[in-house]
Amino acid sequence: MIKMIATDIDGTILKWGLDFSPAMKSCVKRLKEAKVKMVLVTGRMHCAALPVAKELGLETPIISYQGGLIKTYDGETLFQENLNSDYAKEIIEWARENNIHINLYLDDKLFVEHDNDIVKSYTDGKFIDYTVCNFDDLEIKNV
């Protein structure tokens, strides 16, 4: 007997925004009736996956950041794997030297040094706010 289904969000159960197909909503309803839990597993930020869970009526933990963060529906952290802050600073410097865009995630918030089409494409339709700033002005921890 199946007890749980883990699924990605983008391009799997959702094409854009929160526009779920009637078939997907029906599937989620049938899973609930069968007492099968559905868990979202995504590369998205937790704050961007939460509206999807709410729209589907899911109250299961959300696995986000490619498995780097697991939080309950209510926001309790069950698991978090952070990048060492010194290593993160080295990566930022290397990216600057090579003119490579970086999305910096601190405590489920997105920071960028340049507001550009890359950022807009990433955040559009995904319920993600972001802050444009110089990364040197941030306390780099819990990356």
N, C-alpha and C. Protein backbone atom coordinates (compact mmCIF):
# COMPACT_ATOMS: atom_id res chain seq x y z
N MET A 1 0.84 -1.18 0.00
CA MET A 1 0.00 0.00 0.00
C MET A 1 0.89 1.25 0.00
N ILE A 2 0.56 2.20 -0.82
CA ILE A 2 1.31 3.45 -0.91
C ILE A 2 0.90 4.35 0.26
N LYS A 3 1.90 4.88 0.98
CA LYS A 3 1.62 5.76 2.12
C LYS A 3 1.98 7.21 1.85
N MET A 4 2.90 7.42 0.89
CA MET A 4 3.34 8.79 0.61
C MET A 4 3.81 8.90 -0.83
N ILE A 5 3.54 10.06 -1.41
CA ILE A 5 4.06 10.41 -2.74
C ILE A 5 4.84 11.71 -2.59
N ALA A 6 6.07 11.71 -3.07
CA ALA A 6 6.90 12.92 -3.08
C ALA A 6 6.98 13.39 -4.52
N THR A 7 6.76 14.69 -4.73
CA THR A 7 6.74 15.22 -6.09
C THR A 7 7.40 16.59 -6.18
N ASP A 8 8.00 16.84 -7.32
CA ASP A 8 8.53 18.16 -7.64
C ASP A 8 7.35 19.09 -7.92
N ILE A 9 7.62 20.36 -8.05
CA ILE A 9 6.57 21.33 -8.34
C ILE A 9 6.63 21.77 -9.80
N ASP A 10 7.67 22.53 -10.14
CA ASP A 10 7.75 23.18 -11.45
C ASP A 10 7.92 22.18 -12.58
N GLY A 11 6.98 22.22 -13.51
CA GLY A 11 7.02 21.34 -14.66
C GLY A 11 6.53 19.93 -14.37
N THR A 12 6.16 19.66 -13.13
CA THR A 12 5.66 18.34 -12.76
C THR A 12 4.19 18.43 -12.40
N ILE A 13 3.87 19.14 -11.31
CA ILE A 13 2.46 19.30 -10.94
C ILE A 13 1.94 20.70 -11.27
N LEU A 14 2.85 21.58 -11.65
CA LEU A 14 2.48 22.97 -11.86
C LEU A 14 3.25 23.55 -13.04
N LYS A 15 2.52 24.24 -13.89
CA LYS A 15 3.16 24.87 -15.05
C LYS A 15 3.53 26.33 -14.75
N TRP A 16 2.65 27.08 -14.06
CA TRP A 16 2.90 28.50 -13.83
C TRP A 16 2.04 29.01 -12.68
N GLY A 17 2.58 29.91 -11.86
CA GLY A 17 1.79 30.53 -10.79
C GLY A 17 1.19 29.48 -9.88
N LEU A 18 -0.12 29.57 -9.67
CA LEU A 18 -0.84 28.57 -8.88
C LEU A 18 -1.98 27.99 -9.70
N ASP A 19 -1.77 27.88 -10.99
CA ASP A 19 -2.80 27.42 -11.90
C ASP A 19 -2.72 25.90 -12.07
N PHE A 20 -3.35 25.18 -11.14
CA PHE A 20 -3.35 23.72 -11.20
C PHE A 20 -4.46 23.24 -12.13
N SER A 21 -4.18 22.19 -12.85
CA SER A 21 -5.20 21.61 -13.73
C SER A 21 -6.28 20.96 -12.86
N PRO A 22 -7.51 20.87 -13.38
CA PRO A 22 -8.56 20.16 -12.65
C PRO A 22 -8.15 18.71 -12.35
N ALA A 23 -7.43 18.09 -13.26
CA ALA A 23 -6.98 16.71 -13.05
C ALA A 23 -6.04 16.63 -11.84
N MET A 24 -5.15 17.61 -11.68
CA MET A 24 -4.22 17.60 -10.55
C MET A 24 -4.99 17.79 -9.24
N LYS A 25 -5.93 18.72 -9.22
CA LYS A 25 -6.72 18.93 -8.00
C LYS A 25 -7.50 17.68 -7.64
N SER A 26 -8.04 17.01 -8.65
CA SER A 26 -8.78 15.77 -8.42
C SER A 26 -7.85 14.68 -7.88
N CYS A 27 -6.66 14.61 -8.41
CA CYS A 27 -5.67 13.62 -7.96
C CYS A 27 -5.32 13.84 -6.49
N VAL A 28 -5.08 15.09 -6.10
CA VAL A 28 -4.74 15.40 -4.71
C VAL A 28 -5.91 15.03 -3.80
N LYS A 29 -7.11 15.31 -4.23
CA LYS A 29 -8.30 14.97 -3.44
C LYS A 29 -8.40 13.46 -3.24
N ARG A 30 -8.15 12.70 -4.29
CA ARG A 30 -8.22 11.23 -4.19
C ARG A 30 -7.12 10.70 -3.28
N LEU A 31 -5.93 11.31 -3.33
CA LEU A 31 -4.85 10.89 -2.44
C LEU A 31 -5.23 11.11 -0.98
N LYS A 32 -5.83 12.26 -0.69
CA LYS A 32 -6.26 12.55 0.68
C LYS A 32 -7.30 11.54 1.14
N GLU A 33 -8.25 11.26 0.27
CA GLU A 33 -9.31 10.29 0.61
C GLU A 33 -8.72 8.91 0.89
N ALA A 34 -7.65 8.57 0.19
CA ALA A 34 -6.99 7.27 0.37
C ALA A 34 -5.95 7.31 1.50
N LYS A 35 -5.86 8.45 2.19
CA LYS A 35 -4.91 8.64 3.29
C LYS A 35 -3.45 8.50 2.85
N VAL A 36 -3.18 8.91 1.61
CA VAL A 36 -1.81 8.93 1.08
C VAL A 36 -1.28 10.35 1.23
N LYS A 37 -0.17 10.50 1.91
CA LYS A 37 0.42 11.83 2.09
C LYS A 37 1.15 12.26 0.82
N MET A 38 1.09 13.55 0.54
CA MET A 38 1.79 14.12 -0.61
C MET A 38 2.79 15.15 -0.09
N VAL A 39 4.05 14.97 -0.45
CA VAL A 39 5.13 15.85 0.02
C VAL A 39 5.74 16.56 -1.18
N LEU A 40 5.90 17.87 -1.05
CA LEU A 40 6.55 18.66 -2.10
C LEU A 40 8.06 18.62 -1.90
N VAL A 41 8.78 18.30 -2.97
CA VAL A 41 10.25 18.24 -2.97
C VAL A 41 10.70 19.12 -4.13
N THR A 42 11.42 20.20 -3.83
CA THR A 42 11.65 21.20 -4.86
C THR A 42 12.99 21.90 -4.70
N GLY A 43 13.43 22.50 -5.76
CA GLY A 43 14.60 23.38 -5.71
C GLY A 43 14.21 24.78 -5.27
N ARG A 44 12.92 25.05 -5.22
CA ARG A 44 12.44 26.37 -4.81
C ARG A 44 12.83 26.68 -3.37
N MET A 45 12.73 27.97 -3.06
CA MET A 45 12.84 28.42 -1.69
C MET A 45 11.62 27.90 -0.93
N HIS A 46 11.74 27.73 0.38
CA HIS A 46 10.59 27.29 1.18
C HIS A 46 9.42 28.26 1.02
N CYS A 47 9.72 29.56 1.10
CA CYS A 47 8.66 30.57 1.01
C CYS A 47 7.94 30.54 -0.34
N ALA A 48 8.58 30.03 -1.37
CA ALA A 48 7.96 29.93 -2.69
C ALA A 48 7.20 28.61 -2.86
N ALA A 49 7.53 27.62 -2.06
CA ALA A 49 6.82 26.33 -2.12
C ALA A 49 5.58 26.34 -1.23
N LEU A 50 5.60 27.13 -0.17
CA LEU A 50 4.49 27.15 0.78
C LEU A 50 3.15 27.53 0.15
N PRO A 51 3.08 28.55 -0.72
CA PRO A 51 1.78 28.85 -1.36
C PRO A 51 1.24 27.69 -2.18
N VAL A 52 2.12 26.91 -2.76
CA VAL A 52 1.70 25.73 -3.53
C VAL A 52 1.07 24.71 -2.59
N ALA A 53 1.73 24.46 -1.46
CA ALA A 53 1.19 23.52 -0.47
C ALA A 53 -0.17 24.00 0.03
N LYS A 54 -0.28 25.28 0.32
CA LYS A 54 -1.55 25.83 0.80
C LYS A 54 -2.65 25.68 -0.24
N GLU A 55 -2.34 25.99 -1.48
CA GLU A 55 -3.33 25.90 -2.55
C GLU A 55 -3.85 24.47 -2.72
N LEU A 56 -2.97 23.50 -2.50
CA LEU A 56 -3.36 22.09 -2.62
C LEU A 56 -3.93 21.52 -1.33
N GLY A 57 -3.89 22.32 -0.26
CA GLY A 57 -4.40 21.84 1.03
C GLY A 57 -3.48 20.82 1.69
N LEU A 58 -2.20 20.90 1.39
CA LEU A 58 -1.23 19.97 1.98
C LEU A 58 -0.72 20.53 3.30
N GLU A 59 -0.58 19.67 4.29
CA GLU A 59 -0.03 20.09 5.58
C GLU A 59 1.17 19.23 5.96
N THR A 60 1.81 18.67 4.96
CA THR A 60 2.99 17.83 5.15
C THR A 60 4.25 18.69 5.11
N PRO A 61 5.37 18.17 5.62
CA PRO A 61 6.61 18.93 5.51
C PRO A 61 6.95 19.24 4.05
N ILE A 62 7.72 20.30 3.85
CA ILE A 62 8.16 20.70 2.52
C ILE A 62 9.68 20.56 2.47
N ILE A 63 10.15 19.86 1.45
CA ILE A 63 11.59 19.71 1.22
C ILE A 63 11.96 20.70 0.13
N SER A 64 12.79 21.69 0.47
CA SER A 64 13.11 22.77 -0.47
C SER A 64 14.63 22.90 -0.63
N TYR A 65 15.03 23.85 -1.47
CA TYR A 65 16.46 24.09 -1.73
C TYR A 65 17.18 22.80 -2.12
N GLN A 66 16.59 22.02 -3.00
CA GLN A 66 17.19 20.75 -3.46
C GLN A 66 17.53 19.82 -2.30
N GLY A 67 16.72 19.85 -1.26
CA GLY A 67 16.95 18.98 -0.10
C GLY A 67 17.75 19.63 1.01
N GLY A 68 18.17 20.87 0.83
CA GLY A 68 18.96 21.56 1.84
C GLY A 68 18.17 22.06 3.03
N LEU A 69 16.84 22.10 2.92
CA LEU A 69 15.99 22.57 4.01
C LEU A 69 14.70 21.76 4.03
N ILE A 70 14.35 21.29 5.20
CA ILE A 70 13.07 20.61 5.39
C ILE A 70 12.37 21.30 6.55
N LYS A 71 11.17 21.81 6.26
CA LYS A 71 10.38 22.48 7.29
C LYS A 71 8.98 21.88 7.33
N THR A 72 8.40 21.90 8.52
CA THR A 72 7.01 21.50 8.63
C THR A 72 6.14 22.56 7.96
N TYR A 73 4.90 22.22 7.75
CA TYR A 73 3.95 23.17 7.17
C TYR A 73 3.89 24.44 8.01
N ASP A 74 4.03 24.28 9.33
CA ASP A 74 3.95 25.43 10.25
C ASP A 74 5.26 26.19 10.39
N GLY A 75 6.32 25.74 9.70
CA GLY A 75 7.56 26.49 9.68
C GLY A 75 8.66 25.99 10.60
N GLU A 76 8.43 24.90 11.32
CA GLU A 76 9.48 24.36 12.19
C GLU A 76 10.55 23.68 11.32
N THR A 77 11.80 24.03 11.55
CA THR A 77 12.89 23.45 10.78
C THR A 77 13.21 22.05 11.29
N LEU A 78 13.12 21.07 10.39
CA LEU A 78 13.45 19.69 10.71
C LEU A 78 14.87 19.34 10.31
N PHE A 79 15.36 19.97 9.23
CA PHE A 79 16.71 19.73 8.73
C PHE A 79 17.15 20.96 7.95
N GLN A 80 18.41 21.33 8.12
CA GLN A 80 18.97 22.45 7.36
C GLN A 80 20.46 22.20 7.15
N GLU A 81 20.88 22.28 5.90
CA GLU A 81 22.30 22.12 5.55
C GLU A 81 22.78 23.44 4.95
N ASN A 82 23.66 24.12 5.67
CA ASN A 82 24.15 25.42 5.22
C ASN A 82 25.55 25.30 4.63
N LEU A 83 25.88 26.26 3.80
CA LEU A 83 27.21 26.38 3.23
C LEU A 83 28.08 27.16 4.22
N ASN A 84 29.29 26.73 4.43
CA ASN A 84 30.24 27.43 5.29
C ASN A 84 30.36 28.88 4.82
N SER A 85 30.28 29.83 5.74
CA SER A 85 30.27 31.25 5.35
C SER A 85 31.57 31.68 4.66
N ASP A 86 32.71 31.15 5.09
CA ASP A 86 33.98 31.50 4.42
C ASP A 86 33.98 31.00 2.98
N TYR A 87 33.50 29.80 2.78
CA TYR A 87 33.42 29.24 1.43
C TYR A 87 32.43 30.04 0.58
N ALA A 88 31.31 30.44 1.17
CA ALA A 88 30.33 31.26 0.44
C ALA A 88 30.96 32.57 -0.01
N LYS A 89 31.75 33.19 0.84
CA LYS A 89 32.41 34.44 0.47
C LYS A 89 33.40 34.24 -0.67
N GLU A 90 34.10 33.11 -0.66
CA GLU A 90 35.03 32.80 -1.76
C GLU A 90 34.27 32.65 -3.08
N ILE A 91 33.13 31.98 -3.02
CA ILE A 91 32.32 31.79 -4.23
C ILE A 91 31.81 33.13 -4.75
N ILE A 92 31.38 33.99 -3.85
CA ILE A 92 30.90 35.32 -4.25
C ILE A 92 32.02 36.09 -4.95
N GLU A 93 33.21 36.07 -4.38
CA GLU A 93 34.34 36.78 -5.00
C GLU A 93 34.67 36.20 -6.37
N TRP A 94 34.68 34.89 -6.47
CA TRP A 94 34.96 34.24 -7.76
C TRP A 94 33.90 34.62 -8.79
N ALA A 95 32.64 34.62 -8.38
CA ALA A 95 31.56 34.98 -9.30
C ALA A 95 31.70 36.42 -9.77
N ARG A 96 32.04 37.31 -8.87
CA ARG A 96 32.25 38.71 -9.25
C ARG A 96 33.38 38.83 -10.27
N GLU A 97 34.48 38.16 -10.00
CA GLU A 97 35.64 38.22 -10.91
C GLU A 97 35.32 37.67 -12.29
N ASN A 98 34.38 36.75 -12.36
CA ASN A 98 34.02 36.10 -13.62
C ASN A 98 32.69 36.58 -14.19
N ASN A 99 32.18 37.67 -13.60
CA ASN A 99 30.93 38.30 -14.08
C ASN A 99 29.77 37.29 -14.15
N ILE A 100 29.62 36.53 -13.08
CA ILE A 100 28.56 35.52 -12.99
C ILE A 100 27.54 35.96 -11.95
N HIS A 101 26.28 35.89 -12.32
CA HIS A 101 25.19 36.28 -11.42
C HIS A 101 25.04 35.26 -10.30
N ILE A 102 24.78 35.75 -9.09
CA ILE A 102 24.52 34.87 -7.94
C ILE A 102 23.22 35.27 -7.28
N ASN A 103 22.40 34.26 -6.97
CA ASN A 103 21.28 34.41 -6.05
C ASN A 103 21.80 33.98 -4.69
N LEU A 104 21.71 34.84 -3.71
CA LEU A 104 22.18 34.53 -2.36
C LEU A 104 20.96 34.36 -1.46
N TYR A 105 20.87 33.22 -0.80
CA TYR A 105 19.73 32.91 0.06
C TYR A 105 20.18 32.93 1.51
N LEU A 106 19.57 33.80 2.29
CA LEU A 106 19.85 33.90 3.72
C LEU A 106 18.52 33.84 4.46
N ASP A 107 18.36 32.83 5.30
CA ASP A 107 17.14 32.68 6.09
C ASP A 107 15.87 32.77 5.24
N ASP A 108 15.86 32.07 4.13
CA ASP A 108 14.73 31.98 3.20
C ASP A 108 14.36 33.33 2.58
N LYS A 109 15.37 34.18 2.44
CA LYS A 109 15.20 35.46 1.73
C LYS A 109 16.21 35.48 0.59
N LEU A 110 15.81 36.09 -0.52
CA LEU A 110 16.67 36.16 -1.71
C LEU A 110 17.32 37.53 -1.81
N PHE A 111 18.64 37.52 -1.99
CA PHE A 111 19.41 38.74 -2.19
C PHE A 111 20.17 38.63 -3.50
N VAL A 112 20.23 39.73 -4.24
CA VAL A 112 20.99 39.79 -5.49
C VAL A 112 21.76 41.10 -5.51
N GLU A 113 22.85 41.13 -6.26
CA GLU A 113 23.61 42.37 -6.37
C GLU A 113 23.15 43.21 -7.54
N HIS A 114 22.49 42.59 -8.51
CA HIS A 114 22.02 43.32 -9.69
C HIS A 114 20.60 42.89 -10.03
N ASP A 115 19.74 43.86 -10.27
CA ASP A 115 18.37 43.58 -10.69
C ASP A 115 18.38 43.44 -12.21
N ASN A 116 18.18 42.22 -12.69
CA ASN A 116 18.28 41.99 -14.13
C ASN A 116 17.25 40.96 -14.59
N ASP A 117 17.30 40.61 -15.86
CA ASP A 117 16.35 39.65 -16.42
C ASP A 117 16.46 38.27 -15.79
N ILE A 118 17.64 37.90 -15.35
CA ILE A 118 17.82 36.60 -14.69
C ILE A 118 16.97 36.55 -13.42
N VAL A 119 17.04 37.61 -12.63
CA VAL A 119 16.29 37.67 -11.38
C VAL A 119 14.79 37.69 -11.67
N LYS A 120 14.39 38.51 -12.61
CA LYS A 120 12.96 38.62 -12.93
C LYS A 120 12.40 37.30 -13.44
N SER A 121 13.15 36.61 -14.26
CA SER A 121 12.71 35.31 -14.78
C SER A 121 12.59 34.29 -13.65
N TYR A 122 13.51 34.32 -12.72
CA TYR A 122 13.51 33.37 -11.61
C TYR A 122 12.35 33.62 -10.65
N THR A 123 12.05 34.89 -10.39
CA THR A 123 11.05 35.22 -9.37
C THR A 123 9.63 35.34 -9.92
N ASP A 124 9.49 35.62 -11.19
CA ASP A 124 8.17 35.88 -11.78
C ASP A 124 7.24 34.68 -11.62
N GLY A 125 6.09 34.93 -11.03
CA GLY A 125 5.08 33.89 -10.88
C GLY A 125 5.36 32.89 -9.78
N LYS A 126 6.39 33.14 -8.96
CA LYS A 126 6.76 32.16 -7.93
C LYS A 126 6.65 32.72 -6.51
N PHE A 127 6.06 33.88 -6.33
CA PHE A 127 5.83 34.45 -5.00
C PHE A 127 7.13 34.69 -4.24
N ILE A 128 8.13 35.18 -4.97
CA ILE A 128 9.44 35.44 -4.36
C ILE A 128 9.73 36.93 -4.41
N ASP A 129 9.95 37.52 -3.25
CA ASP A 129 10.44 38.89 -3.16
C ASP A 129 11.96 38.81 -3.06
N TYR A 130 12.62 39.88 -3.47
CA TYR A 130 14.08 39.87 -3.38
C TYR A 130 14.58 41.26 -3.04
N THR A 131 15.80 41.31 -2.55
CA THR A 131 16.45 42.56 -2.18
C THR A 131 17.72 42.72 -3.00
N VAL A 132 17.87 43.89 -3.61
CA VAL A 132 19.09 44.21 -4.35
C VAL A 132 20.03 44.93 -3.39
N CYS A 133 21.23 44.41 -3.22
CA CYS A 133 22.19 45.02 -2.30
C CYS A 133 23.60 44.54 -2.63
N ASN A 134 24.56 45.15 -1.98
CA ASN A 134 25.94 44.69 -2.07
C ASN A 134 26.11 43.58 -1.04
N PHE A 135 26.53 42.41 -1.48
CA PHE A 135 26.67 41.28 -0.55
C PHE A 135 27.65 41.58 0.58
N ASP A 136 28.57 42.50 0.36
CA ASP A 136 29.53 42.86 1.41
C ASP A 136 28.84 43.51 2.60
N ASP A 137 27.64 44.04 2.39
CA ASP A 137 26.89 44.69 3.46
C ASP A 137 26.07 43.70 4.29
N LEU A 138 26.06 42.44 3.89
CA LEU A 138 25.28 41.42 4.59
C LEU A 138 26.17 40.60 5.51
N GLU A 139 25.57 40.10 6.58
CA GLU A 139 26.26 39.13 7.43
C GLU A 139 26.03 37.77 6.78
N ILE A 140 27.07 37.24 6.17
CA ILE A 140 26.96 35.99 5.41
C ILE A 140 27.03 34.81 6.38
N LYS A 141 25.86 34.26 6.69
CA LYS A 141 25.78 33.05 7.51
C LYS A 141 24.50 32.32 7.12
N ASN A 142 24.41 31.09 7.41
CA ASN A 142 23.24 30.27 7.06
C ASN A 142 22.90 30.39 5.59
N VAL A 143 23.93 30.29 4.74
CA VAL A 143 23.74 30.38 3.29
C VAL A 143 23.33 29.01 2.78
